Amino acid sequence: MKKYAKYFIPVIIIVVGFLAMNFLISLKKKTPKHEIVISSKIVSTEEVKLQSVVTNISLFGRAATSEPIMLNSEVNGILESGDIDFKVSESFSKGDLICKVDDRQAMYTLNSAKSDLLNALANVLPEIKVDFEHDYRVWQDYFNSCTFDSKLSPLPEVSNDKIHLYLSRFNVYKLYYNVLNLEIILEKHYFYAPFDGSITKANLQAGSSVRVGLLIGEIINTKEMEIAVPVETKNISWIDKNKNVVIKSSEFSKEWTGVITRIGSNVDTRTQTVDIFIKVDNGKDGQILNNVFVEVEFQGKAIENSFAIPSMALYEESYVYLIKDGKLARQNVNLIRRESSRVIISSGIKTGDMIVVEALQGVASGMLAKSKSNLSGAN
């Protein structure tokens, strides 16, 4: 008996332990199972309304004066001040004398020539009075109008060959054109402003010696600015040349309106762009400074029966997500145009569709979804 006891005792212990374990497990309360709830994804949407969408092109360009003028001297002399100080950044109005070159010598030479002309007229007047008394009064009045402090008037018309001969014999024509030539030379001593503007370069100061061909300075028109904008060749056809453009500057926090004046005919081989030139009135809403960079918004041609969405809402350039019956539905669309922050699509969608206008990740067709606009409306 003792011989078999050493085999049965372990077996009995194992059986008792197994029964005890099953008893304890039966006493443990079963944990109730939770019901799995699938939540809907909340997304931003817009209701599709197919309509005419005006395209936009936003680019950057540099503003520059449309009329820069170099002041080069055509005479010799000493530089003198005009109506303003000849210094950089000095502003002037149209018609102001910017500066001048000492004109005394030119003035004396001109008056001497006028004196010679008056002497010739004085000699020919008696000849005209004797032979052509009815023409004498015309030439006498012209003689009286010639003064040293005013420009020469045009010679009276000559219809009689004999009077023409008299004028030639007394060198009236030669002296007359000599005076006109000297008047032109005298005008070259003065630099009058052809527009409202500012001095950008002043290479000389009053009292400096000036010679022919020397660059005195440079002026610009500050009222009429021109902006050159490089546009990709693929965008040229989209721009409406007859519509105004909006010009913005972050540095001045202002906006201006401009018009397209011309489009370049040459393509830059490096960038494949064409320059479009825009004229902007710089006197209404404050000034655009010369050489400042600005943003230009072109209002392009309209696309009928289309809809614009944010660029991030278009996937792989070919499809978008709609919400249909509370679920996401992938929809293929036709991309007509891509802009900096939006894309314009047409076929594949229709008016009334709820299109997702945000970027989605880890989603698929059939996933439950709700529109944020509906939730906010419910609240």
Protein backbone atom coordinates (compact mmCIF):
# COMPACT_ATOMS: atom_id res chain seq x y z
CA MET A 1 0.00 0.00 0.00
CA LYS A 2 2.76 2.40 0.90
CA LYS A 3 4.33 1.46 -2.36
CA TYR A 4 1.38 2.93 -4.38
CA ALA A 5 0.71 5.91 -2.07
CA LYS A 6 3.68 7.90 -3.39
CA TYR A 7 2.05 7.80 -6.89
CA PHE A 8 -1.56 8.65 -5.95
CA ILE A 9 -0.93 11.56 -3.58
CA PRO A 10 0.44 13.95 -6.30
CA VAL A 11 -2.41 13.06 -8.61
CA ILE A 12 -4.95 13.80 -5.92
CA ILE A 13 -3.30 17.17 -5.20
CA ILE A 14 -3.44 18.16 -8.88
CA VAL A 15 -7.12 17.18 -9.21
CA VAL A 16 -8.08 19.06 -6.07
CA GLY A 17 -6.18 22.16 -7.25
CA PHE A 18 -7.87 22.06 -10.63
CA LEU A 19 -11.33 21.80 -9.05
CA ALA A 20 -10.56 24.64 -6.65
CA MET A 21 -9.38 26.88 -9.50
CA ASN A 22 -12.56 26.29 -11.51
CA PHE A 23 -14.62 27.08 -8.43
CA LEU A 24 -12.85 30.39 -7.89
CA ILE A 25 -13.21 31.38 -11.57
CA SER A 26 -16.94 30.73 -11.38
CA LEU A 27 -17.19 33.18 -8.49
CA LYS A 28 -15.65 36.07 -10.55
CA LYS A 29 -18.26 38.48 -12.00
CA LYS A 30 -18.28 38.77 -15.75
CA THR A 31 -17.34 42.24 -17.07
CA PRO A 32 -20.14 43.58 -19.28
CA LYS A 33 -19.13 44.25 -22.94
CA HIS A 34 -19.22 47.89 -24.20
CA GLU A 35 -21.05 48.61 -27.43
CA ILE A 36 -18.72 49.95 -30.15
CA VAL A 37 -19.87 53.42 -31.40
CA ILE A 38 -18.49 54.72 -34.70
CA SER A 39 -18.23 58.56 -34.62
CA SER A 40 -18.63 60.87 -37.64
CA LYS A 41 -15.74 63.00 -38.88
CA ILE A 42 -16.44 66.74 -38.62
CA VAL A 43 -15.28 68.60 -41.75
CA SER A 44 -15.53 72.09 -43.26
CA THR A 45 -17.76 72.25 -46.32
CA GLU A 46 -19.26 74.66 -48.81
CA GLU A 47 -22.36 74.32 -50.90
CA VAL A 48 -21.51 74.23 -54.60
CA LYS A 49 -22.97 77.05 -56.70
CA LEU A 50 -21.87 76.82 -60.30
CA GLN A 51 -21.48 80.35 -61.62
CA SER A 52 -19.13 82.71 -63.42
CA VAL A 53 -15.80 82.79 -61.55
CA VAL A 54 -13.42 85.67 -62.26
CA THR A 55 -9.83 84.49 -62.34
CA ASN A 56 -7.13 86.31 -60.40
CA ILE A 57 -3.39 86.55 -60.88
CA SER A 58 -1.24 87.96 -58.08
CA LEU A 59 2.37 88.84 -58.91
CA PHE A 60 5.15 91.14 -57.77
CA GLY A 61 6.80 93.97 -59.65
CA ARG A 62 8.97 97.03 -59.17
CA ALA A 63 7.63 100.57 -59.33
CA ALA A 64 9.68 103.07 -61.29
CA THR A 65 9.09 106.49 -62.72
CA SER A 66 7.79 106.49 -66.27
CA GLU A 67 9.77 109.62 -67.11
CA PRO A 68 13.34 109.68 -65.79
CA ILE A 69 15.29 112.57 -67.34
CA MET A 70 19.04 113.07 -67.36
CA LEU A 71 20.13 116.72 -67.13
CA ASN A 72 23.09 117.02 -69.49
CA SER A 73 24.59 120.43 -70.19
CA GLU A 74 24.75 121.60 -73.79
CA VAL A 75 26.59 124.83 -72.92
CA ASN A 76 29.60 125.97 -70.90
CA GLY A 77 29.45 128.17 -67.82
CA ILE A 78 28.89 128.29 -64.07
CA LEU A 79 25.99 126.39 -62.50
CA GLU A 80 23.47 128.59 -60.66
CA SER A 81 20.47 127.80 -58.45
CA GLY A 82 16.94 128.01 -59.77
CA ASP A 83 13.63 128.16 -57.89
CA ILE A 84 14.72 125.29 -55.61
CA ASP A 85 17.93 124.04 -54.05
CA PHE A 86 19.63 121.69 -56.49
CA LYS A 87 19.92 118.78 -54.03
CA VAL A 88 18.86 115.14 -53.99
CA SER A 89 15.22 114.54 -52.92
CA GLU A 90 14.21 118.16 -53.48
CA SER A 91 10.70 118.27 -54.96
CA PHE A 92 9.52 120.64 -57.65
CA SER A 93 6.39 121.52 -59.60
CA LYS A 94 5.90 121.64 -63.33
CA GLY A 95 7.39 124.84 -64.74
CA ASP A 96 9.83 125.47 -61.87
CA LEU A 97 13.38 126.47 -62.79
CA ILE A 98 15.43 123.56 -61.42
CA CYS A 99 18.83 125.13 -62.14
CA LYS A 100 20.60 127.17 -64.82
CA VAL A 101 24.01 127.86 -66.31
CA ASP A 102 25.31 131.46 -66.22
CA ASP A 103 23.55 133.04 -69.20
CA ARG A 104 25.14 136.51 -69.39
CA GLN A 105 27.43 135.82 -72.31
CA ALA A 106 24.68 134.12 -74.30
CA MET A 107 22.29 136.97 -73.54
CA TYR A 108 24.76 139.60 -74.72
CA THR A 109 25.46 137.69 -77.93
CA LEU A 110 21.73 137.35 -78.61
CA ASN A 111 21.05 141.05 -78.03
CA SER A 112 23.92 141.96 -80.31
CA ALA A 113 22.38 139.85 -83.06
CA LYS A 114 18.98 141.45 -82.46
CA SER A 115 20.62 144.84 -82.84
CA ASP A 116 22.02 143.81 -86.23
CA LEU A 117 18.57 142.61 -87.30
CA LEU A 118 16.92 145.87 -86.22
CA ASN A 119 19.56 147.82 -88.12
CA ALA A 120 18.86 145.82 -91.27
CA LEU A 121 15.10 146.36 -90.90
CA ALA A 122 15.63 150.08 -90.36
CA ASN A 123 17.56 150.23 -93.65
CA VAL A 124 14.98 148.30 -95.66
CA LEU A 125 11.87 150.10 -94.33
CA PRO A 126 12.40 153.29 -96.42
CA GLU A 127 12.72 151.18 -99.59
CA ILE A 128 9.45 149.39 -98.81
CA LYS A 129 7.69 152.67 -97.97
CA VAL A 130 8.58 154.20 -101.34
CA ASP A 131 7.65 151.28 -103.56
CA PHE A 132 5.06 149.37 -101.48
CA GLU A 133 3.33 151.81 -99.20
CA HIS A 134 0.42 149.41 -98.47
CA ASP A 135 2.95 146.86 -97.06
CA TYR A 136 4.98 149.42 -95.17
CA ARG A 137 2.70 149.46 -92.07
CA VAL A 138 3.07 145.67 -91.61
CA TRP A 139 6.86 145.84 -91.57
CA GLN A 140 6.90 148.96 -89.42
CA ASP A 141 4.75 147.19 -86.81
CA TYR A 142 7.09 144.22 -86.91
CA PHE A 143 10.08 146.49 -86.37
CA ASN A 144 8.38 148.04 -83.35
CA SER A 145 7.59 144.58 -81.85
CA CYS A 146 11.26 143.55 -81.78
CA THR A 147 12.57 144.15 -78.27
CA PHE A 148 15.58 142.92 -76.32
CA ASP A 149 13.53 141.38 -73.50
CA SER A 150 11.19 139.17 -75.56
CA LYS A 151 11.52 136.39 -78.10
CA LEU A 152 11.50 137.22 -81.76
CA SER A 153 8.16 136.94 -83.58
CA PRO A 154 7.89 135.22 -86.98
CA LEU A 155 8.58 137.44 -89.99
CA PRO A 156 5.50 138.74 -91.83
CA GLU A 157 4.54 136.75 -94.90
CA VAL A 158 5.98 138.07 -98.16
CA SER A 159 3.89 137.77 -101.32
CA ASN A 160 5.79 140.27 -103.46
CA ASP A 161 9.03 139.17 -105.10
CA LYS A 162 10.51 142.66 -105.01
CA ILE A 163 10.04 142.96 -101.23
CA HIS A 164 11.61 139.53 -100.95
CA LEU A 165 14.58 140.87 -102.92
CA TYR A 166 14.91 143.89 -100.63
CA LEU A 167 14.93 141.68 -97.52
CA SER A 168 17.60 139.43 -99.00
CA ARG A 169 19.78 142.35 -100.12
CA PHE A 170 19.82 143.83 -96.61
CA ASN A 171 20.49 140.37 -94.99
CA VAL A 172 17.22 140.43 -93.05
CA TYR A 173 16.68 136.68 -93.46
CA LYS A 174 20.23 135.79 -92.46
CA LEU A 175 20.13 137.98 -89.37
CA TYR A 176 16.62 136.75 -88.47
CA TYR A 177 17.66 133.07 -88.43
CA ASN A 178 20.84 133.92 -86.56
CA VAL A 179 18.73 135.46 -83.79
CA LEU A 180 16.50 132.33 -83.69
CA ASN A 181 19.59 130.16 -83.35
CA LEU A 182 20.95 132.25 -80.50
CA GLU A 183 17.57 132.13 -78.74
CA ILE A 184 17.77 128.32 -78.79
CA ILE A 185 21.29 128.44 -77.36
CA LEU A 186 20.09 130.78 -74.59
CA GLU A 187 17.24 128.37 -73.71
CA LYS A 188 19.80 125.61 -73.18
CA HIS A 189 21.11 127.55 -70.15
CA TYR A 190 17.85 126.86 -68.26
CA PHE A 191 16.47 123.58 -66.93
CA TYR A 192 12.71 123.94 -66.41
CA ALA A 193 10.66 121.12 -64.86
CA PRO A 194 8.47 119.38 -67.48
CA PHE A 195 6.39 117.73 -64.72
CA ASP A 196 5.91 117.49 -60.96
CA GLY A 197 8.80 115.49 -59.64
CA SER A 198 11.92 115.13 -57.57
CA ILE A 199 15.70 115.27 -57.97
CA THR A 200 17.32 111.83 -57.72
CA LYS A 201 20.87 112.82 -58.65
CA ALA A 202 22.75 116.09 -58.17
CA ASN A 203 26.28 115.65 -59.48
CA LEU A 204 27.15 119.35 -59.17
CA GLN A 205 26.45 122.20 -56.78
CA ALA A 206 25.78 125.85 -57.47
CA GLY A 207 29.05 127.55 -58.37
CA SER A 208 30.50 124.50 -60.12
CA SER A 209 31.97 124.84 -63.58
CA VAL A 210 29.88 123.23 -66.30
CA ARG A 211 31.01 122.11 -69.72
CA VAL A 212 29.22 120.70 -72.75
CA GLY A 213 28.16 117.05 -72.28
CA LEU A 214 28.57 117.03 -68.49
CA LEU A 215 25.85 115.23 -66.50
CA ILE A 216 24.45 117.73 -64.03
CA GLY A 217 21.84 115.48 -62.42
CA GLU A 218 18.70 113.39 -62.87
CA ILE A 219 15.02 114.07 -62.19
CA ILE A 220 11.97 111.80 -62.09
CA ASN A 221 8.24 112.22 -62.42
CA THR A 222 6.73 111.31 -59.05
CA LYS A 223 3.10 111.65 -60.14
CA GLU A 224 3.06 109.03 -62.87
CA MET A 225 4.72 105.77 -61.89
CA GLU A 226 5.08 102.66 -64.01
CA ILE A 227 5.31 99.11 -62.72
CA ALA A 228 6.97 96.33 -64.69
CA VAL A 229 5.55 92.92 -63.76
CA PRO A 230 7.08 89.69 -65.15
CA VAL A 231 4.25 87.31 -66.08
CA GLU A 232 4.62 83.66 -67.07
CA THR A 233 3.73 83.11 -70.70
CA LYS A 234 1.00 80.62 -69.74
CA ASN A 235 -0.81 83.37 -67.79
CA ILE A 236 -0.73 86.05 -70.49
CA SER A 237 -3.90 84.77 -72.17
CA TRP A 238 -5.82 84.88 -68.86
CA ILE A 239 -5.19 88.59 -68.22
CA ASP A 240 -7.92 91.01 -69.25
CA LYS A 241 -6.09 94.04 -70.64
CA ASN A 242 -9.16 96.28 -70.32
CA LYS A 243 -9.62 95.89 -66.57
CA ASN A 244 -7.91 97.89 -63.84
CA VAL A 245 -5.38 96.25 -61.57
CA VAL A 246 -4.94 96.63 -57.81
CA ILE A 247 -1.51 97.52 -56.46
CA LYS A 248 -0.62 96.82 -52.83
CA SER A 249 2.38 97.55 -50.66
CA SER A 250 2.93 95.98 -47.26
CA GLU A 251 5.39 98.75 -46.46
CA PHE A 252 2.81 101.53 -46.84
CA SER A 253 -0.42 99.63 -46.04
CA LYS A 254 -2.15 101.31 -48.96
CA GLU A 255 -3.71 100.35 -52.26
CA TRP A 256 -3.57 101.99 -55.67
CA THR A 257 -5.38 101.44 -58.95
CA GLY A 258 -3.51 101.06 -62.20
CA VAL A 259 -4.14 100.37 -65.88
CA ILE A 260 -2.24 98.12 -68.26
CA THR A 261 -0.49 100.31 -70.81
CA ARG A 262 1.43 97.74 -72.83
CA ILE A 263 2.59 94.13 -72.90
CA GLY A 264 6.12 93.23 -73.87
CA SER A 265 6.75 91.30 -77.08
CA ASN A 266 9.94 89.60 -75.88
CA VAL A 267 10.11 86.46 -73.73
CA ASP A 268 12.90 86.26 -71.15
CA THR A 269 14.68 83.03 -72.05
CA ARG A 270 15.81 82.45 -68.46
CA THR A 271 12.45 82.79 -66.72
CA GLN A 272 10.01 82.35 -69.63
CA THR A 273 8.20 85.51 -68.59
CA VAL A 274 6.90 88.58 -70.41
CA ASP A 275 6.87 92.05 -68.84
CA ILE A 276 3.51 93.77 -68.46
CA PHE A 277 3.69 97.52 -67.82
CA ILE A 278 1.17 99.22 -65.56
CA LYS A 279 0.63 102.95 -65.18
CA VAL A 280 -0.49 104.15 -61.75
CA ASP A 281 -1.63 107.62 -60.76
CA ASN A 282 0.64 108.47 -57.84
CA GLY A 283 -1.12 111.60 -56.70
CA LYS A 284 -4.45 110.48 -55.25
CA ASP A 285 -3.80 108.15 -52.32
CA GLY A 286 -0.22 108.88 -51.40
CA GLN A 287 2.95 108.16 -53.28
CA ILE A 288 4.61 104.94 -54.29
CA LEU A 289 8.33 105.49 -53.93
CA ASN A 290 10.61 104.90 -56.86
CA ASN A 291 12.10 101.36 -57.05
CA VAL A 292 9.84 99.91 -54.32
CA PHE A 293 8.49 96.36 -54.80
CA VAL A 294 4.71 96.01 -54.85
CA GLU A 295 2.13 93.27 -55.24
CA VAL A 296 -0.08 93.53 -58.32
CA GLU A 297 -3.45 91.77 -58.56
CA PHE A 298 -4.74 91.26 -62.09
CA GLN A 299 -8.43 90.65 -62.62
CA GLY A 300 -8.49 87.98 -65.30
CA LYS A 301 -11.08 86.50 -67.59
CA ALA A 302 -14.21 84.81 -66.21
CA ILE A 303 -14.87 81.04 -66.36
CA GLU A 304 -18.53 80.13 -66.72
CA ASN A 305 -20.27 77.30 -64.80
CA SER A 306 -17.40 76.72 -62.41
CA PHE A 307 -16.59 76.76 -58.70
CA ALA A 308 -13.50 77.79 -56.74
CA ILE A 309 -12.17 75.85 -53.74
CA PRO A 310 -8.97 76.04 -51.65
CA SER A 311 -6.00 74.31 -53.29
CA MET A 312 -5.65 71.90 -50.36
CA ALA A 313 -9.14 70.50 -51.01
CA LEU A 314 -8.11 69.01 -54.36
CA TYR A 315 -6.31 65.66 -54.26
CA GLU A 316 -3.88 64.41 -56.89
CA GLU A 317 -5.12 67.15 -59.23
CA SER A 318 -8.15 64.99 -60.01
CA TYR A 319 -10.66 64.45 -57.20
CA VAL A 320 -12.42 66.01 -54.20
CA TYR A 321 -14.57 64.74 -51.33
CA LEU A 322 -18.29 65.36 -51.07
CA ILE A 323 -20.70 64.60 -48.24
CA LYS A 324 -23.55 62.42 -49.43
CA ASP A 325 -26.06 60.85 -47.06
CA GLY A 326 -23.80 61.56 -44.10
CA LYS A 327 -20.77 59.87 -45.64
CA LEU A 328 -17.64 60.94 -47.48
CA ALA A 329 -17.79 60.31 -51.20
CA ARG A 330 -14.82 60.64 -53.51
CA GLN A 331 -15.67 62.58 -56.68
CA ASN A 332 -13.54 63.02 -59.79
CA VAL A 333 -13.50 66.61 -61.14
CA ASN A 334 -11.99 68.60 -63.99
CA LEU A 335 -9.37 71.17 -62.97
CA ILE A 336 -9.63 74.27 -65.18
CA ARG A 337 -7.17 76.63 -63.51
CA ARG A 338 -4.81 76.64 -60.52
CA GLU A 339 -4.04 79.90 -58.72
CA SER A 340 -1.86 80.75 -55.74
CA SER A 341 -4.42 79.83 -53.06
CA ARG A 342 -7.32 78.26 -54.92
CA VAL A 343 -8.29 76.02 -57.81
CA ILE A 344 -11.22 76.39 -60.20
CA ILE A 345 -13.14 73.23 -61.12
CA SER A 346 -16.22 72.49 -63.21
CA SER A 347 -17.30 69.04 -64.41
CA GLY A 348 -17.90 66.37 -61.76
CA ILE A 349 -19.83 68.61 -59.40
CA LYS A 350 -23.22 70.28 -59.56
CA THR A 351 -25.04 73.06 -57.77
CA GLY A 352 -26.17 71.94 -54.31
CA ASP A 353 -23.34 69.47 -53.66
CA MET A 354 -21.63 69.76 -50.27
CA ILE A 355 -17.94 69.82 -51.06
CA VAL A 356 -15.20 69.42 -48.42
CA VAL A 357 -12.93 72.48 -48.41
CA GLU A 358 -10.18 71.33 -46.03
CA ALA A 359 -7.31 68.88 -46.29
CA LEU A 360 -8.22 65.39 -45.05
CA GLN A 361 -5.81 62.64 -44.00
CA GLY A 362 -6.47 58.97 -43.31
CA VAL A 363 -9.98 59.01 -44.76
CA ALA A 364 -11.75 56.95 -47.39
CA SER A 365 -15.05 56.93 -49.24
CA GLY A 366 -17.91 55.69 -47.10
CA MET A 367 -16.58 57.11 -43.83
CA LEU A 368 -19.24 58.87 -41.73
CA ALA A 369 -18.92 62.65 -41.89
CA LYS A 370 -20.74 65.79 -40.81
CA SER A 371 -20.42 69.39 -41.89
CA LYS A 372 -19.26 72.00 -39.40
CA SER A 373 -21.78 74.43 -40.82
CA ASN A 374 -24.64 72.08 -39.94
CA LEU A 375 -23.38 71.69 -36.37
CA SER A 376 -23.05 75.44 -35.86
CA GLY A 377 -26.50 75.93 -37.31
CA ALA A 378 -27.92 73.38 -34.89
CA ASN A 379 -26.35 75.22 -31.97
